[in-house]
Amino acid sequence: MLPSYREKQVWIRRIASHLEPGAEPTDDELRRIIAAEVSMRTQGSALTVHEKTSLIHHLFDAMRGLDILQPLLEEPAVTEIMVNRPSQIYVERNGRLEKTNLAFDSASHLTHVISRYFGRANKLVHERSPIADMRLSDGSRVHAILPPAAPEGPVLSIRKFTGIMPTMDALIENNTIPARQAAFLIESVRARKNIFISGGTASGKTTFLNALAAFIPEHERIVTVEDAAELDLTGKHNLVRLEARTSAVDGGGAISLSDLIHSSLRLRPDRVIVGEVRGMEAYDMIQAMQTGHPGSMSTGHGNSTYEMLNRLALLLMTASQLPWEACRRMVASSINLMVHLVRLADGRRLVQEISSVTGFHDDTFRLKTHYTLSQEADTEKTTPPSTETGVKNDDDEKKSPQGHFPEA
């Protein structure tokens, strides 16, 4: 039986009394201190060796990890942990959502776990600043919301690093993209095409962006702009990483993506990579793509290629107050290639469509579709004339045999 939150706090206070003030023991040292305390305090008790070992693990997880969630974080089959409220915890295991039988003792228990975990990363989350994000060392992403923003109790979401390395070879091996389509995209990166990756939540956009960015020539200067630093371009020597920051408790100190994109253009980048656009920064990203930075890349949330293009135009109009048609023309003239990803019900992440944006005519985006996925048969095929409302497909008059790609 797991010790309660109150019982853990009693144990933790006893263990903390053995630690030197200001000192931070290593994980191994902390485990030894916990084991010694448990051994001393349980002498002559009815606890078995297994129960004592389990208590040591639970106390360590409470002090260094995510308490009752830590075993889920360490389970390879679990790719996402979702705490809707203290008594309701779901996981995604092998691509499917499951409700667990775990529960925090109270809202204050969950709040304590969240505050302590973010505090160890020097990030504050509290009532006056109740929303926070952070990235773990293994690439996992953590998002927390506290009351009053979450009236039914603290909310926590952990999207674990999937284990798929952000390399094109790994994505090909994982059947995310066929080899011929990968070769086409690699050549497009080297040819300095502006590429935008769209898809739904957890469809693998950041992983795919990492894989593509690996083929930027090493002599080119790259500036990455992100809400939370997730891109891993460690092989690129001439690299500058910029990260946005939310406002402090007093309302000051915020650094927006727009601020960073403006700043990035003064750093003489050959390419600007924006991790994800979802607001006013869309205007700055489009401007960067139009003003001497070909080969730039970004991602965004969208249900289809056409919907993503319209959403970008809407973000552009909101930020610039330009007319709707002018914004759509700007988007069409800035982005060369669209890659749309999907996440299937079984958890697989696949490239659904690759299309060139060839222009904007007759009140619609003109797309030249190079590849599309037949989800029913899980096979690749050359796209027929698009059935999406308002989409004109330049391949309508000139179709290609399967697997052949016209020049983008």
Foldseek 3Di string as FASTA:
>chain_A
DADAPVVLVVLVVVLVVPDDPPDDDDLVVSLVSSLVSLCVVCVPHPDDPVRSVVNSVQSSCQQPNQRPCVVVLVDLQWQKWKDLAQQWIWTQGLLAIDTDRDGHPHLVRNVVSVQNNVVVVVDGDDALRFWDWAADPQLKIKIKGAPPVRVRGIIIMIGHDNPQALAPVSCCVLQQDPPLVVVQLLVCLQVLAEEEEEEAPPLCRLSPVLHNVQSNDLVFAEEEEEQYDRRDNVVRDRYHYYHFDAADSVRDDGGDSLNVLVVVVVVPGLEYEYAEDDALNLQSNLVCLVPRNGSYYYYYYDHDPQRVLLNSLVRNCVNPVDDSVVSSQSSLVRHFKYWYWYADSSGDIHTAWIWGFPGAPPNATEIATFWGADPVVRDIAWDEADPDPRYHYPCNVPTDGPSDGDRD
